[in-house]
Amino acid sequence: MLLGVNIDHVATLRNARGGVEPEPILAARICQKCGASSITTHLREDRRHIKDSDVELISKNVSTNLNLEMAVTDEMQKIALKIKPHSVCLVPEKRQEVTTEGGLDVAGQLEKITKFVKPLKDAGIEVSLFIDPTKEQVEASAKTGAQFIEMHTGSYSNAYGTENEEIEFLKLKNSAKLAQELGLRVNAGHGLNYENVKRMHEIEGLYELNIGHSIISRAIFVGLEQAVIEMQNLVK
């Protein structure tokens, strides 16, 4: 498996004071140095952490793949087509949420998402759909033309160490198997940390894990380089 690092919360810390430190571009360069396969940034509608200028700087000055998380809106599609990141991950987005609360309802808006995906693919951008690990959503995703899904691992992460852990884990494992049978490549992320990430090795064919909050939290105590290396070792 590969490790993609989400650096959104470096920007969250910067924006807490309204200044320029810490700079997300420096975080991206450290992650690149440590072998991260991609740098993930979520450009939200309200720009609560990552700004447009952050995305542009990273896209021009970091050679590691840029993965742009974004809502299914005309504004975000235009930005993606202008910047042309290596990949985009389409996510649901609510202004009032603290973090992404669930997967994209692909099955409920199949026509809209299929139309949204096409120009991105035509521009050479890989497209991933951030979905809950259910049969319905996986099957719908396979009809959109997207090359990847990213399974929302939040429910598994919350259940880790409880009696519900195995139930939530099997949802991930079964969804990954189905997705690959339908021709999709499979990523995963959300809530993964230095403990619960271990079980991802039990899911055959996982391509990349996208992890952010846990790595940035660990970096406060050991530094970003060490935090990325530690997670990289667990993922490998």
Protein backbone atom coordinates (compact mmCIF):
# COMPACT_ATOMS: atom_id res chain seq x y z
CA MET A 1 0.00 0.00 0.00
CA LEU A 2 0.95 3.59 -0.53
CA LEU A 3 0.57 6.48 1.91
CA GLY A 4 -0.98 9.78 0.93
CA VAL A 5 -0.76 12.55 3.54
CA ASN A 6 -3.52 15.09 4.05
CA ILE A 7 -2.02 18.41 5.17
CA ASP A 8 -5.27 20.35 5.73
CA HIS A 9 -4.67 20.78 9.45
CA VAL A 10 -1.34 22.46 8.92
CA ALA A 11 -3.44 25.17 7.31
CA THR A 12 -5.95 24.98 10.17
CA LEU A 13 -3.17 25.87 12.61
CA ARG A 14 -1.93 28.70 10.38
CA ASN A 15 -5.40 30.17 10.05
CA ALA A 16 -5.95 30.12 13.82
CA ARG A 17 -3.73 33.20 14.03
CA GLY A 18 -4.41 34.57 10.57
CA GLY A 19 -0.71 34.66 9.73
CA VAL A 20 1.57 32.65 7.47
CA GLU A 21 2.94 29.99 9.82
CA PRO A 22 3.04 27.04 9.52
CA GLU A 23 3.14 26.98 5.73
CA PRO A 24 1.37 24.05 4.02
CA ILE A 25 3.89 24.10 1.16
CA LEU A 26 6.69 23.30 3.62
CA ALA A 27 4.65 20.45 5.05
CA ALA A 28 4.10 19.12 1.53
CA ARG A 29 7.83 19.18 0.85
CA ILE A 30 8.59 17.28 4.07
CA CYS A 31 5.99 14.64 3.19
CA GLN A 32 7.49 14.34 -0.27
CA LYS A 33 10.97 13.90 1.22
CA CYS A 34 9.65 11.09 3.43
CA GLY A 35 8.23 9.20 0.47
CA ALA A 36 4.54 10.06 0.60
CA SER A 37 2.86 8.92 -2.62
CA SER A 38 0.55 11.92 -2.70
CA ILE A 39 -0.30 15.15 -0.92
CA THR A 40 -4.00 15.61 -0.22
CA THR A 41 -5.64 18.99 0.26
CA HIS A 42 -9.36 19.64 0.66
CA LEU A 43 -10.30 22.99 -0.84
CA ARG A 44 -13.58 23.62 0.93
CA GLU A 45 -16.24 26.02 -0.21
CA ASP A 46 -15.69 28.20 2.88
CA ARG A 47 -11.84 27.92 2.63
CA ARG A 48 -11.67 27.12 6.34
CA HIS A 49 -8.17 25.71 6.06
CA ILE A 50 -6.58 25.19 2.64
CA LYS A 51 -6.68 28.28 0.40
CA ASP A 52 -6.57 28.52 -3.39
CA SER A 53 -3.03 29.88 -3.17
CA ASP A 54 -1.94 26.79 -1.18
CA VAL A 55 -3.20 24.47 -3.89
CA GLU A 56 -1.49 26.49 -6.62
CA LEU A 57 1.82 26.59 -4.73
CA ILE A 58 1.81 22.87 -4.08
CA SER A 59 0.85 22.01 -7.65
CA LYS A 60 3.73 24.08 -9.03
CA ASN A 61 6.44 23.34 -6.48
CA VAL A 62 5.99 19.75 -5.32
CA SER A 63 6.62 16.80 -7.60
CA THR A 64 4.67 14.30 -5.49
CA ASN A 65 1.16 13.69 -6.81
CA LEU A 66 -1.40 16.29 -5.72
CA ASN A 67 -4.76 14.84 -4.71
CA LEU A 68 -7.44 17.53 -4.52
CA GLU A 69 -10.47 16.71 -2.39
CA MET A 70 -13.46 18.74 -3.49
CA ALA A 71 -17.23 18.99 -3.55
CA VAL A 72 -19.27 18.30 -6.67
CA THR A 73 -19.73 21.95 -7.67
CA ASP A 74 -19.09 23.99 -10.81
CA GLU A 75 -16.61 26.20 -8.93
CA MET A 76 -14.48 23.26 -7.84
CA GLN A 77 -14.59 21.63 -11.25
CA LYS A 78 -13.29 24.83 -12.86
CA ILE A 79 -10.46 25.05 -10.32
CA ALA A 80 -9.49 21.42 -10.91
CA LEU A 81 -9.51 21.85 -14.69
CA LYS A 82 -7.31 24.93 -14.33
CA ILE A 83 -4.77 23.44 -11.91
CA LYS A 84 -4.95 19.87 -13.24
CA PRO A 85 -3.89 17.95 -10.13
CA HIS A 86 -2.85 14.34 -10.55
CA SER A 87 -6.14 13.26 -8.98
CA VAL A 88 -9.32 14.55 -7.43
CA CYS A 89 -11.46 12.90 -4.79
CA LEU A 90 -15.12 13.92 -4.88
CA VAL A 91 -16.56 14.27 -1.39
CA PRO A 92 -19.83 15.45 0.18
CA GLU A 93 -19.54 18.76 1.95
CA LYS A 94 -21.63 20.62 4.54
CA ARG A 95 -20.70 24.04 5.87
CA GLN A 96 -21.60 23.14 9.46
CA GLU A 97 -19.64 19.88 9.69
CA VAL A 98 -16.32 19.75 11.54
CA THR A 99 -15.00 17.08 9.18
CA THR A 100 -16.50 15.01 6.38
CA GLU A 101 -19.27 13.06 8.07
CA GLY A 102 -20.02 10.37 5.50
CA GLY A 103 -19.56 9.20 1.97
CA LEU A 104 -20.83 10.70 -1.25
CA ASP A 105 -24.29 9.48 -2.26
CA VAL A 106 -23.33 8.31 -5.73
CA ALA A 107 -26.35 6.04 -6.10
CA GLY A 108 -28.72 8.90 -5.37
CA GLN A 109 -27.17 11.30 -7.89
CA LEU A 110 -25.67 8.95 -10.47
CA GLU A 111 -26.42 11.06 -13.54
CA LYS A 112 -25.04 14.25 -12.00
CA ILE A 113 -21.81 12.63 -10.84
CA THR A 114 -21.28 10.79 -14.12
CA LYS A 115 -21.53 14.09 -16.02
CA PHE A 116 -19.21 15.76 -13.49
CA VAL A 117 -16.55 13.05 -13.81
CA LYS A 118 -16.25 13.10 -17.61
CA PRO A 119 -14.50 16.47 -18.19
CA LEU A 120 -12.08 15.74 -15.37
CA LYS A 121 -11.14 12.40 -16.90
CA ASP A 122 -10.93 13.98 -20.34
CA ALA A 123 -8.36 16.42 -18.90
CA GLY A 124 -6.21 13.51 -17.75
CA ILE A 125 -7.14 13.78 -14.06
CA GLU A 126 -7.71 10.58 -12.10
CA VAL A 127 -11.06 10.65 -10.34
CA SER A 128 -11.92 8.98 -7.04
CA LEU A 129 -15.28 8.89 -5.27
CA PHE A 130 -15.31 9.02 -1.46
CA ILE A 131 -18.05 6.58 -0.50
CA ASP A 132 -19.38 4.58 2.40
CA PRO A 133 -18.49 0.88 2.05
CA THR A 134 -21.84 -0.43 0.83
CA LYS A 135 -22.78 -2.60 -2.15
CA GLU A 136 -25.14 0.07 -3.48
CA GLN A 137 -22.54 2.83 -3.51
CA VAL A 138 -19.78 0.64 -4.96
CA GLU A 139 -21.98 -0.56 -7.81
CA ALA A 140 -23.10 2.99 -8.57
CA SER A 141 -19.50 4.25 -8.53
CA ALA A 142 -18.53 1.69 -11.15
CA LYS A 143 -21.08 3.23 -13.53
CA THR A 144 -19.71 6.79 -13.34
CA GLY A 145 -16.44 6.32 -15.21
CA ALA A 146 -14.35 7.14 -12.13
CA GLN A 147 -11.19 5.03 -11.85
CA PHE A 148 -11.06 4.88 -8.04
CA ILE A 149 -13.19 4.78 -4.96
CA GLU A 150 -11.94 5.85 -1.55
CA MET A 151 -13.71 3.94 1.17
CA HIS A 152 -14.79 6.02 4.16
CA THR A 153 -13.13 4.27 7.10
CA GLY A 154 -14.71 6.48 9.79
CA SER A 155 -17.17 3.89 11.10
CA TYR A 156 -14.43 1.26 11.32
CA SER A 157 -12.11 3.73 13.06
CA ASN A 158 -14.78 4.64 15.61
CA ALA A 159 -15.59 0.97 16.21
CA TYR A 160 -11.96 -0.13 16.58
CA GLY A 161 -11.46 -1.98 19.85
CA THR A 162 -15.21 -2.46 20.40
CA GLU A 163 -17.62 -5.32 19.72
CA ASN A 164 -18.60 -3.66 16.43
CA GLU A 165 -15.08 -3.57 15.00
CA GLU A 166 -15.39 -6.79 13.00
CA ILE A 167 -18.75 -5.77 11.52
CA GLU A 168 -17.36 -2.46 10.26
CA PHE A 169 -14.14 -4.04 9.07
CA LEU A 170 -15.96 -6.65 6.99
CA LYS A 171 -17.91 -3.88 5.27
CA LEU A 172 -14.60 -2.43 4.09
CA LYS A 173 -13.18 -5.80 3.08
CA ASN A 174 -16.28 -6.86 1.13
CA SER A 175 -16.66 -3.48 -0.57
CA ALA A 176 -13.03 -3.49 -1.67
CA LYS A 177 -13.44 -6.97 -3.17
CA LEU A 178 -16.59 -5.98 -5.05
CA ALA A 179 -15.06 -2.73 -6.31
CA GLN A 180 -12.06 -4.54 -7.74
CA GLU A 181 -14.30 -7.11 -9.42
CA LEU A 182 -16.09 -4.18 -11.09
CA GLY A 183 -12.82 -2.70 -12.35
CA LEU A 184 -12.29 0.00 -9.74
CA ARG A 185 -9.08 0.66 -7.84
CA VAL A 186 -9.51 1.15 -4.11
CA ASN A 187 -8.15 3.71 -1.67
CA ALA A 188 -9.26 4.23 1.94
CA GLY A 189 -9.15 6.90 4.58
CA HIS A 190 -10.78 8.88 7.40
CA GLY A 191 -10.02 8.40 11.07
CA LEU A 192 -7.14 5.99 10.48
CA ASN A 193 -4.38 6.27 13.07
CA TYR A 194 -1.22 4.54 14.29
CA GLU A 195 -3.24 1.75 15.93
CA ASN A 196 -6.20 0.94 13.71
CA VAL A 197 -4.28 1.26 10.41
CA LYS A 198 -2.76 -2.18 10.98
CA ARG A 199 -5.87 -4.04 9.83
CA MET A 200 -5.80 -2.39 6.42
CA HIS A 201 -3.22 -5.02 5.46
CA GLU A 202 -6.00 -7.59 5.71
CA ILE A 203 -7.83 -5.96 2.77
CA GLU A 204 -6.45 -7.35 -0.46
CA GLY A 205 -5.62 -4.92 -3.25
CA LEU A 206 -5.82 -1.63 -1.33
CA TYR A 207 -3.87 0.92 -3.35
CA GLU A 208 -3.42 3.95 -1.11
CA LEU A 209 -4.38 5.14 2.35
CA ASN A 210 -5.01 8.86 2.81
CA ILE A 211 -4.27 9.92 6.38
CA GLY A 212 -4.06 13.42 7.80
CA HIS A 213 -5.27 14.30 11.28
CA SER A 214 -3.45 11.50 13.07
CA ILE A 215 -0.13 12.31 11.37
CA ILE A 216 -0.38 16.06 12.04
CA SER A 217 -1.34 15.34 15.67
CA ARG A 218 1.67 13.06 16.10
CA ALA A 219 3.90 15.67 14.46
CA ILE A 220 3.29 18.07 17.36
CA PHE A 221 5.31 15.75 19.58
CA VAL A 222 7.87 14.13 17.28
CA GLY A 223 8.02 16.42 14.24
CA LEU A 224 6.36 15.95 10.87
CA GLU A 225 9.19 14.00 9.27
CA GLN A 226 9.22 11.40 12.05
CA ALA A 227 5.41 11.21 12.11
CA VAL A 228 5.25 10.50 8.38
CA ILE A 229 8.06 7.93 8.57
CA GLU A 230 6.35 6.10 11.43
CA MET A 231 3.07 5.90 9.52
CA GLN A 232 4.88 4.98 6.31
CA ASN A 233 6.46 2.02 8.10
CA LEU A 234 3.08 0.83 9.38
CA VAL A 235 1.47 1.15 5.95
CA LYS A 236 4.32 -0.70 4.24
